[in-house]
Amino acid sequence: MYKDVDISRLPVLESRADVALFDLHPDVIFIFDLDVHAFWWANAAGVAFWGLDNLQQVIDKDMSGDTASARRRMRQTFEKAALEGVSVNSWTAYPEQKPKRLHMRHRAVLLGPERHRGTIAFISDGGPPGDNPEQCLFTEAIHYTSVAVTSFSLGGQPLFENPIATELYGYAVREGAPAGVSVFESRFHDLEEGRERLRQGQALLDSSQDHLMITRRGVRKHTVDMRASRHPVSGEYVILVSEYDISALQNALDESERAKSELKKLAHYDALTGVPTVRLCKDRLDRMIAVARRNEGVAALLFIDLDGFKAVNDQHGHDAGDCLLKEVAVRLQSSVRASDTVGRIGGDEFIVLIPDLQQREHAGLVAHQIIKTLSMPVTVTSNDGSEVEVYIGASIGVASYPDNGDDPEALLRNADAAMYQIKRLGKNNYGYA
């Protein structure tokens, strides 16, 4: 909390004797120890302010009922005073359980041999609540802010709400809410979430969470910030709720997730043909080998290079070449099982992963079917706009696990070598590694 505050230069009060002269001052002065959250000293006017008889009663005053918000504000006051020399602000105190508005000037100090962090508060009477400029400014800010602010009783009934909260909700329990549900709970799309947040408020716990809220604008995603506070007139504890509409932010985050999903898809699937890329094929090849090893089975990899593709691409243009590649991907997928994988390595090279084979020769039957399927003519649109039939073939190298390697690199290398051997022998055929 104090990481940005240099307290080494703060004045040190070694003992209460150092402030004895303050006892003669007619204004209220007291010193608060933040590290133990208790009064360290008060002058005679300060003792009288709290309606007590002596200094020891002030020191022994029970501060355990202070909320987390009050403690946080006291720490912030110390920090500001340490940084700026003096912190000037207004507080509402509750001497004898009655609210009293006070103007305070704070100085940051270190207390005793332990060097506890402390503040000296010089206090003047600010008059009844509402009779000072800060109160007016606060009221204006609450009325014109775009943040919905509502003050609830610990039972969940609204005591005050600013105009934006009224615009979003009004005081009424929403239609369809079960009997016995408080206004606070009824604002939540999930009533159980509303019950849990109300329990937190009743326990005087400060919290901030995101929820779907039922507003007059429809269901919206809000950050619901809750702080325990005191009623400025009665002194009773209340739940101060501020709500920030984050629906637009949530939509942006959802869109970002969709974009990431699309990028992931682009990384794993070929943009032209829609079949898996090298990256995804290698992942599946790893799994295929692992399963075959565990089951002591056989699996195969077909390395396919198209014969005659370059001629089609050069003669009829890249669009015709792209059309041909897409048709090749479709025909390859129609030639294998759903459990097999067809992937594009790049250019006019494809691979097929075939798990769960009875014997390696069955991979040759698949290769034969692929060659037969790809030998059928394909209609493409040429550069001049005319539709033409083109013919291609395929040279296929077959490598199987475990005969031709027990890792992905070995299978790819051996299947590639077998494919090039077919190229040298005349193309449009298949061969084993």
Protein backbone atom coordinates (compact mmCIF):
# COMPACT_ATOMS: atom_id res chain seq x y z
CA MET A 1 0.00 0.00 0.00
CA TYR A 2 2.87 2.35 0.85
CA LYS A 3 5.24 1.24 -1.90
CA ASP A 4 5.27 4.70 -3.59
CA VAL A 5 5.52 6.72 -0.36
CA ASP A 6 8.90 7.64 1.14
CA ILE A 7 8.30 7.75 4.90
CA SER A 8 11.96 8.10 5.88
CA ARG A 9 11.70 11.92 6.10
CA LEU A 10 8.50 12.04 8.14
CA PRO A 11 8.66 13.63 11.61
CA VAL A 12 8.84 11.17 14.48
CA LEU A 13 6.86 11.42 17.71
CA GLU A 14 8.88 9.35 20.15
CA SER A 15 6.32 9.59 22.95
CA ARG A 16 3.08 11.34 23.86
CA ALA A 17 5.11 13.92 25.76
CA ASP A 18 6.15 15.34 22.38
CA VAL A 19 2.60 16.61 21.77
CA ALA A 20 1.74 17.79 25.28
CA LEU A 21 1.42 21.42 24.15
CA PHE A 22 -1.40 20.44 21.76
CA ASP A 23 -3.49 19.76 24.85
CA LEU A 24 -3.84 23.53 25.28
CA HIS A 25 -5.28 24.02 21.79
CA PRO A 26 -9.04 24.65 21.76
CA ASP A 27 -9.68 22.77 18.49
CA VAL A 28 -10.07 19.01 18.32
CA ILE A 29 -6.76 17.24 17.65
CA PHE A 30 -6.13 13.54 17.68
CA ILE A 31 -3.44 11.20 16.43
CA PHE A 32 -4.30 7.88 14.83
CA ASP A 33 -2.02 4.83 14.56
CA LEU A 34 -2.72 3.12 11.22
CA ASP A 35 -0.66 0.02 11.93
CA VAL A 36 -2.80 -0.99 14.91
CA HIS A 37 -5.87 0.93 13.73
CA ALA A 38 -6.42 2.75 17.00
CA PHE A 39 -6.15 6.23 18.48
CA TRP A 40 -2.66 7.03 19.78
CA TRP A 41 -3.46 10.36 21.42
CA ALA A 42 -6.11 13.09 21.65
CA ASN A 43 -6.09 16.50 23.27
CA ALA A 44 -8.69 17.53 25.83
CA ALA A 45 -11.00 18.83 23.10
CA GLY A 46 -10.60 15.51 21.29
CA VAL A 47 -11.54 13.54 24.40
CA ALA A 48 -14.62 15.72 24.85
CA PHE A 49 -15.50 15.36 21.15
CA TRP A 50 -16.00 11.63 21.63
CA GLY A 51 -17.98 12.16 24.83
CA LEU A 52 -15.33 10.42 26.92
CA ASP A 53 -13.72 11.26 30.24
CA ASN A 54 -10.01 10.76 29.67
CA LEU A 55 -7.31 10.01 27.12
CA GLN A 56 -7.07 6.32 28.00
CA GLN A 57 -10.70 5.84 27.04
CA VAL A 58 -9.92 7.32 23.60
CA ILE A 59 -6.91 5.02 23.21
CA ASP A 60 -9.04 2.03 24.23
CA LYS A 61 -11.90 3.00 21.90
CA ASP A 62 -13.08 -0.05 19.91
CA MET A 63 -12.44 0.58 16.20
CA SER A 64 -13.10 -2.99 15.05
CA GLY A 65 -16.41 -1.94 13.49
CA ASP A 66 -14.70 0.24 10.87
CA THR A 67 -15.35 -1.03 7.37
CA ALA A 68 -12.68 -1.95 4.85
CA SER A 69 -13.58 1.21 2.91
CA ALA A 70 -12.99 3.38 5.98
CA ARG A 71 -9.64 1.72 6.65
CA ARG A 72 -8.63 2.15 3.02
CA ARG A 73 -9.54 5.84 3.09
CA MET A 74 -7.43 6.35 6.20
CA ARG A 75 -4.45 4.74 4.47
CA GLN A 76 -5.02 6.93 1.42
CA THR A 77 -5.16 10.00 3.67
CA PHE A 78 -1.81 9.04 5.20
CA GLU A 79 -0.26 8.55 1.77
CA LYS A 80 -1.52 11.89 0.49
CA ALA A 81 -0.30 13.70 3.58
CA ALA A 82 3.09 11.99 3.32
CA LEU A 83 3.41 13.00 -0.33
CA GLU A 84 1.98 16.54 -0.12
CA GLY A 85 2.75 17.57 3.47
CA VAL A 86 -0.87 18.22 4.40
CA SER A 87 -4.06 16.43 3.39
CA VAL A 88 -7.25 18.48 3.59
CA ASN A 89 -10.64 16.80 3.32
CA SER A 90 -13.99 16.31 4.97
CA TRP A 91 -15.17 13.33 6.99
CA THR A 92 -18.37 12.33 8.69
CA ALA A 93 -17.72 11.08 12.21
CA TYR A 94 -20.21 9.53 14.63
CA PRO A 95 -19.56 10.81 18.16
CA GLU A 96 -22.24 9.43 20.46
CA GLN A 97 -23.68 7.66 17.37
CA LYS A 98 -24.70 10.98 15.79
CA PRO A 99 -23.31 12.05 12.41
CA LYS A 100 -21.10 15.13 12.43
CA ARG A 101 -19.45 16.66 9.39
CA LEU A 102 -15.85 17.68 9.98
CA HIS A 103 -13.17 19.58 8.09
CA MET A 104 -9.83 17.85 8.68
CA ARG A 105 -6.21 18.68 8.00
CA HIS A 106 -3.89 15.69 8.33
CA ARG A 107 -0.12 15.50 8.78
CA ALA A 108 1.69 12.20 8.31
CA VAL A 109 4.04 11.16 11.14
CA LEU A 110 5.83 8.14 12.57
CA LEU A 111 4.85 7.05 16.05
CA GLY A 112 6.93 5.71 18.92
CA PRO A 113 10.02 3.52 18.82
CA GLU A 114 8.17 1.09 16.51
CA ARG A 115 7.81 3.90 13.91
CA HIS A 116 4.17 3.07 13.24
CA ARG A 117 2.51 5.08 10.51
CA GLY A 118 0.23 7.73 11.92
CA THR A 119 -1.71 10.89 11.14
CA ILE A 120 -2.25 14.01 13.21
CA ALA A 121 -5.78 15.29 12.55
CA PHE A 122 -6.52 18.99 13.14
CA ILE A 123 -10.31 19.25 13.15
CA SER A 124 -12.80 22.05 12.74
CA ASP A 125 -16.58 21.71 12.77
CA GLY A 126 -18.02 21.48 9.27
CA GLY A 127 -21.61 21.84 10.40
CA PRO A 128 -24.49 19.47 9.82
CA PRO A 129 -24.22 17.13 6.81
CA GLY A 130 -25.16 18.92 3.59
CA ASP A 131 -24.25 22.42 4.78
CA ASN A 132 -20.84 22.57 3.11
CA PRO A 133 -19.53 22.97 -0.47
CA GLU A 134 -18.01 19.50 -0.66
CA GLN A 135 -21.38 17.96 0.12
CA CYS A 136 -22.94 19.98 -2.68
CA LEU A 137 -20.21 18.96 -5.12
CA PHE A 138 -20.60 15.35 -4.07
CA THR A 139 -24.35 15.52 -4.61
CA GLU A 140 -23.87 17.01 -8.07
CA ALA A 141 -21.32 14.33 -9.00
CA ILE A 142 -23.61 11.52 -7.87
CA HIS A 143 -26.52 12.99 -9.81
CA TYR A 144 -24.64 13.46 -13.08
CA THR A 145 -22.28 10.50 -13.18
CA SER A 146 -22.90 7.74 -15.74
CA VAL A 147 -22.22 5.17 -13.02
CA ALA A 148 -25.33 3.70 -11.38
CA VAL A 149 -25.10 4.28 -7.62
CA THR A 150 -27.58 2.79 -5.16
CA SER A 151 -27.52 2.71 -1.37
CA PHE A 152 -29.23 -0.37 0.10
CA SER A 153 -30.19 -1.36 3.60
CA LEU A 154 -28.63 -4.59 4.85
CA GLY A 155 -31.98 -6.19 3.98
CA GLY A 156 -31.48 -5.33 0.31
CA GLN A 157 -34.02 -2.51 0.06
CA PRO A 158 -33.00 0.71 -1.72
CA LEU A 159 -32.53 3.82 0.41
CA PHE A 160 -31.23 6.06 -2.36
CA GLU A 161 -30.35 5.74 -6.01
CA ASN A 162 -28.99 8.29 -8.44
CA PRO A 163 -30.79 9.12 -11.71
CA ILE A 164 -28.88 6.61 -13.85
CA ALA A 165 -29.74 3.81 -11.40
CA THR A 166 -33.39 4.87 -11.49
CA GLU A 167 -33.24 4.84 -15.28
CA LEU A 168 -31.81 1.31 -15.24
CA TYR A 169 -33.94 -0.19 -12.49
CA GLY A 170 -36.29 2.00 -10.50
CA TYR A 171 -37.09 0.94 -6.96
CA ALA A 172 -39.45 -1.90 -7.83
CA VAL A 173 -38.70 -5.62 -7.66
CA ARG A 174 -38.56 -6.94 -11.23
CA GLU A 175 -41.52 -8.84 -12.60
CA GLY A 176 -41.33 -12.59 -12.19
CA ALA A 177 -39.03 -12.52 -9.16
CA PRO A 178 -40.01 -15.04 -6.44
CA ALA A 179 -41.83 -13.79 -3.36
CA GLY A 180 -39.56 -12.61 -0.58
CA VAL A 181 -36.75 -11.54 -2.90
CA SER A 182 -35.28 -8.14 -2.10
CA VAL A 183 -34.90 -5.38 -4.68
CA PHE A 184 -31.13 -5.89 -4.54
CA GLU A 185 -31.34 -9.60 -5.36
CA SER A 186 -33.99 -9.13 -8.05
CA ARG A 187 -31.64 -7.07 -10.20
CA PHE A 188 -29.40 -10.08 -10.82
CA HIS A 189 -30.09 -12.36 -13.79
CA ASP A 190 -28.97 -15.24 -11.56
CA LEU A 191 -30.86 -14.86 -8.27
CA GLU A 192 -28.39 -17.09 -6.44
CA GLU A 193 -25.59 -14.69 -7.39
CA GLY A 194 -27.72 -11.87 -5.99
CA ARG A 195 -28.26 -13.75 -2.73
CA GLU A 196 -24.53 -14.39 -2.37
CA ARG A 197 -23.62 -10.75 -3.00
CA LEU A 198 -26.25 -9.64 -0.46
CA ARG A 199 -24.73 -12.01 2.11
CA GLN A 200 -21.35 -10.40 1.42
CA GLY A 201 -22.86 -6.96 1.97
CA GLN A 202 -24.52 -8.03 5.21
CA ALA A 203 -21.11 -9.25 6.39
CA LEU A 204 -19.74 -5.75 5.58
CA LEU A 205 -17.38 -7.26 2.98
CA ASP A 206 -16.20 -5.01 0.16
CA SER A 207 -16.18 -6.80 -3.18
CA SER A 208 -16.25 -6.29 -6.93
CA GLN A 209 -17.52 -8.91 -9.40
CA ASP A 210 -19.03 -9.08 -12.88
CA HIS A 211 -22.65 -10.19 -13.33
CA LEU A 212 -25.46 -10.26 -15.86
CA MET A 213 -28.00 -7.72 -14.61
CA ILE A 214 -31.65 -7.33 -15.65
CA THR A 215 -32.13 -3.67 -16.55
CA ARG A 216 -34.73 -1.70 -18.42
CA ARG A 217 -32.29 -1.80 -21.35
CA GLY A 218 -32.30 -5.59 -21.28
CA VAL A 219 -29.78 -8.01 -19.82
CA ARG A 220 -26.43 -6.24 -19.51
CA LYS A 221 -22.99 -7.24 -18.22
CA HIS A 222 -22.06 -5.05 -15.24
CA THR A 223 -19.15 -4.80 -12.87
CA VAL A 224 -20.94 -4.56 -9.52
CA ASP A 225 -18.78 -2.84 -6.90
CA MET A 226 -20.01 -3.09 -3.29
CA ARG A 227 -18.75 -1.14 -0.29
CA ALA A 228 -20.01 -1.13 3.29
CA SER A 229 -20.73 2.37 4.52
CA ARG A 230 -22.69 4.27 7.18
CA HIS A 231 -25.95 6.12 6.76
CA PRO A 232 -25.04 9.83 7.15
CA VAL A 233 -28.07 10.50 9.37
CA SER A 234 -28.87 7.31 11.29
CA GLY A 235 -25.32 5.96 11.44
CA GLU A 236 -26.56 2.49 10.50
CA TYR A 237 -24.55 0.34 8.12
CA VAL A 238 -25.65 0.39 4.49
CA ILE A 239 -24.44 -1.24 1.27
CA LEU A 240 -23.20 1.24 -1.32
CA VAL A 241 -23.39 -0.28 -4.82
CA SER A 242 -21.78 1.18 -7.95
CA GLU A 243 -22.37 -0.46 -11.31
CA TYR A 244 -20.36 -0.10 -14.51
CA ASP A 245 -21.78 -1.38 -17.79
CA ILE A 246 -19.06 -3.48 -19.42
CA SER A 247 -21.24 -5.08 -22.09
CA ALA A 248 -19.34 -3.36 -24.91
CA LEU A 249 -16.03 -4.45 -23.39
CA GLN A 250 -17.30 -8.00 -22.98
CA ASN A 251 -18.46 -8.03 -26.60
CA ALA A 252 -15.02 -6.83 -27.66
CA LEU A 253 -13.38 -9.59 -25.61
CA ASP A 254 -15.72 -12.16 -27.14
CA GLU A 255 -14.85 -10.88 -30.61
CA SER A 256 -11.17 -11.12 -29.70
CA GLU A 257 -11.67 -14.75 -28.67
CA ARG A 258 -13.40 -15.45 -31.97
CA ALA A 259 -10.51 -13.81 -33.82
CA LYS A 260 -8.01 -15.92 -31.89
CA SER A 261 -10.02 -19.01 -32.73
CA GLU A 262 -9.98 -18.03 -36.39
CA LEU A 263 -6.21 -17.43 -36.28
CA LYS A 264 -5.76 -20.83 -34.67
CA LYS A 265 -7.84 -22.35 -37.43
CA LEU A 266 -5.71 -20.61 -40.06
CA ALA A 267 -2.59 -21.98 -38.38
CA HIS A 268 -3.94 -25.54 -38.46
CA TYR A 269 -5.94 -25.63 -41.70
CA ASP A 270 -4.88 -24.72 -45.20
CA ALA A 271 -6.63 -21.52 -46.30
CA LEU A 272 -7.08 -22.71 -49.90
CA THR A 273 -8.15 -26.33 -49.55
CA GLY A 274 -9.41 -26.46 -45.95
CA VAL A 275 -7.39 -29.58 -45.12
CA PRO A 276 -4.91 -29.71 -42.20
CA THR A 277 -1.57 -27.93 -42.56
CA VAL A 278 1.88 -29.38 -41.84
CA ARG A 279 1.61 -28.27 -38.21
CA LEU A 280 -1.61 -30.14 -37.51
CA CYS A 281 -0.50 -33.13 -39.58
CA LYS A 282 2.63 -33.48 -37.47
CA ASP A 283 0.56 -33.41 -34.28
CA ARG A 284 -1.71 -36.13 -35.65
CA LEU A 285 1.27 -38.11 -36.92
CA ASP A 286 2.73 -38.06 -33.40
CA ARG A 287 -0.55 -39.37 -31.99
CA MET A 288 -0.90 -42.00 -34.73
CA ILE A 289 2.55 -43.42 -33.98
CA ALA A 290 1.92 -43.34 -30.21
CA VAL A 291 -1.34 -45.29 -30.61
CA ALA A 292 0.25 -47.81 -32.98
CA ARG A 293 3.16 -48.31 -30.57
CA ARG A 294 0.81 -48.81 -27.61
CA ASN A 295 -1.39 -51.26 -29.54
CA GLU A 296 1.52 -52.91 -31.35
CA GLY A 297 -0.30 -52.06 -34.57
CA VAL A 298 0.51 -50.82 -38.06
CA ALA A 299 0.06 -47.30 -39.44
CA ALA A 300 1.08 -45.68 -42.72
CA LEU A 301 1.92 -42.34 -44.26
CA LEU A 302 1.37 -41.56 -47.96
CA PHE A 303 3.46 -38.76 -49.48
CA ILE A 304 1.71 -37.48 -52.63
CA ASP A 305 3.19 -35.23 -55.31
CA LEU A 306 0.91 -34.25 -58.22
CA ASP A 307 2.13 -35.05 -61.73
CA GLY A 308 1.35 -32.38 -64.33
CA PHE A 309 0.19 -29.69 -61.92
CA LYS A 310 2.89 -27.18 -62.93
CA ALA A 311 1.85 -27.43 -66.57
CA VAL A 312 -1.78 -26.66 -65.72
CA ASN A 313 -0.72 -23.73 -63.54
CA ASP A 314 1.59 -22.29 -66.21
CA GLN A 315 -0.81 -22.77 -69.12
CA HIS A 316 -4.13 -21.78 -67.56
CA GLY A 317 -3.12 -19.48 -64.69
CA HIS A 318 -2.98 -19.51 -60.91
CA ASP A 319 -6.75 -19.40 -60.49
CA ALA A 320 -7.04 -22.60 -62.49
CA GLY A 321 -4.24 -24.08 -60.37
CA ASP A 322 -6.03 -23.14 -57.16
CA CYS A 323 -9.26 -24.66 -58.44
CA LEU A 324 -7.39 -27.87 -59.25
CA LEU A 325 -5.81 -28.06 -55.78
CA LYS A 326 -9.21 -27.66 -54.10
CA GLU A 327 -10.65 -30.45 -56.22
CA VAL A 328 -7.66 -32.68 -55.41
CA ALA A 329 -8.30 -32.14 -51.67
CA VAL A 330 -11.95 -33.11 -52.12
CA ARG A 331 -11.08 -36.27 -54.06
CA LEU A 332 -8.41 -37.30 -51.57
CA GLN A 333 -10.85 -37.00 -48.68
CA SER A 334 -13.41 -39.07 -50.59
CA SER A 335 -10.83 -41.82 -51.08
CA VAL A 336 -10.02 -42.41 -47.41
CA ARG A 337 -11.83 -43.18 -44.16
CA ALA A 338 -13.17 -40.53 -41.81
CA SER A 339 -10.50 -41.59 -39.29
CA ASP A 340 -7.71 -40.91 -41.80
CA THR A 341 -6.12 -37.48 -42.25
CA VAL A 342 -5.56 -35.67 -45.54
CA GLY A 343 -3.14 -32.75 -45.27
CA ARG A 344 -1.43 -30.29 -47.58
CA ILE A 345 2.31 -29.96 -47.12
CA GLY A 346 2.65 -27.06 -49.53
CA GLY A 347 2.48 -26.36 -53.26
CA ASP A 348 1.19 -29.51 -54.95
CA GLU A 349 2.27 -31.91 -52.19
CA PHE A 350 -0.19 -33.71 -49.90
CA ILE A 351 0.06 -36.42 -47.27
CA VAL A 352 -2.41 -39.00 -46.00
CA LEU A 353 -2.17 -40.53 -42.51
CA ILE A 354 -3.71 -43.99 -42.20
CA PRO A 355 -3.92 -45.43 -38.66
CA ASP A 356 -5.12 -48.89 -37.59
CA LEU A 357 -4.00 -50.98 -40.58
CA GLN A 358 -4.11 -54.76 -40.53
CA GLN A 359 -0.94 -54.86 -42.66
CA ARG A 360 1.18 -52.36 -44.59
CA GLU A 361 -0.05 -53.64 -47.99
CA HIS A 362 -3.47 -52.16 -47.24
CA ALA A 363 -1.87 -48.72 -47.57
CA GLY A 364 -0.99 -49.65 -51.15
CA LEU A 365 -4.67 -50.31 -51.86
CA VAL A 366 -5.48 -46.78 -50.63
CA ALA A 367 -2.71 -45.33 -52.80
CA HIS A 368 -4.05 -47.21 -55.83
CA GLN A 369 -7.55 -45.80 -55.23
CA ILE A 370 -6.15 -42.27 -54.91
CA ILE A 371 -4.29 -42.54 -58.23
CA LYS A 372 -7.44 -43.82 -59.91
CA THR A 373 -9.56 -41.00 -58.45
CA LEU A 374 -7.09 -38.26 -59.36
CA SER A 375 -6.74 -39.51 -62.94
CA MET A 376 -10.29 -38.39 -63.73
CA PRO A 377 -10.50 -35.04 -65.60
CA VAL A 378 -11.02 -31.79 -63.70
CA THR A 379 -12.82 -28.79 -65.21
CA VAL A 380 -11.13 -25.45 -64.53
CA THR A 381 -11.49 -21.90 -65.86
CA SER A 382 -8.51 -20.83 -67.96
CA ASN A 383 -6.95 -17.36 -68.22
CA ASP A 384 -9.13 -16.48 -71.21
CA GLY A 385 -12.32 -17.34 -69.31
CA SER A 386 -12.97 -20.60 -71.08
CA GLU A 387 -13.68 -23.80 -69.21
CA VAL A 388 -11.22 -26.59 -69.99
CA GLU A 389 -10.68 -30.15 -68.83
CA VAL A 390 -7.27 -30.91 -67.42
CA TYR A 391 -5.63 -34.17 -66.39
CA ILE A 392 -3.07 -34.87 -63.72
CA GLY A 393 -1.53 -37.87 -62.05
CA ALA A 394 0.06 -38.61 -58.68
CA SER A 395 3.34 -40.09 -57.53
CA ILE A 396 2.93 -41.63 -54.08
CA GLY A 397 5.49 -42.86 -51.58
CA VAL A 398 4.30 -45.21 -48.83
CA ALA A 399 6.06 -45.52 -45.45
CA SER A 400 4.68 -47.59 -42.60
CA TYR A 401 5.19 -47.89 -38.88
CA PRO A 402 7.11 -49.78 -37.57
CA ASP A 403 8.86 -51.10 -40.72
CA ASN A 404 10.03 -47.73 -42.10
CA GLY A 405 10.55 -45.74 -38.93
CA ASP A 406 9.25 -45.24 -35.41
CA ASP A 407 9.13 -41.43 -35.34
CA PRO A 408 7.48 -38.76 -37.52
CA GLU A 409 10.68 -37.52 -39.13
CA ALA A 410 11.70 -41.00 -40.25
CA LEU A 411 8.30 -41.78 -41.77
CA LEU A 412 8.16 -38.45 -43.62
CA ARG A 413 11.72 -38.84 -44.88
CA ASN A 414 11.23 -42.40 -46.10
CA ALA A 415 7.84 -41.71 -47.71
CA ASP A 416 9.33 -38.69 -49.50
CA ALA A 417 12.24 -40.81 -50.79
CA ALA A 418 9.84 -43.50 -52.02
CA MET A 419 7.79 -40.84 -53.84
CA TYR A 420 10.87 -39.51 -55.65
CA GLN A 421 11.79 -43.04 -56.66
CA ILE A 422 8.36 -43.32 -58.36
CA LYS A 423 9.03 -39.99 -60.11
CA ARG A 424 12.28 -41.38 -61.51
CA LEU A 425 10.57 -44.59 -62.64
CA GLY A 426 7.90 -42.82 -64.71
CA LYS A 427 5.42 -41.17 -62.30
CA ASN A 428 1.70 -41.79 -61.66
CA ASN A 429 2.24 -44.81 -59.45
CA TYR A 430 3.00 -45.69 -55.87
CA GLY A 431 5.86 -47.47 -54.16
CA TYR A 432 6.90 -48.62 -50.70
CA ALA A 433 9.85 -47.27 -48.76
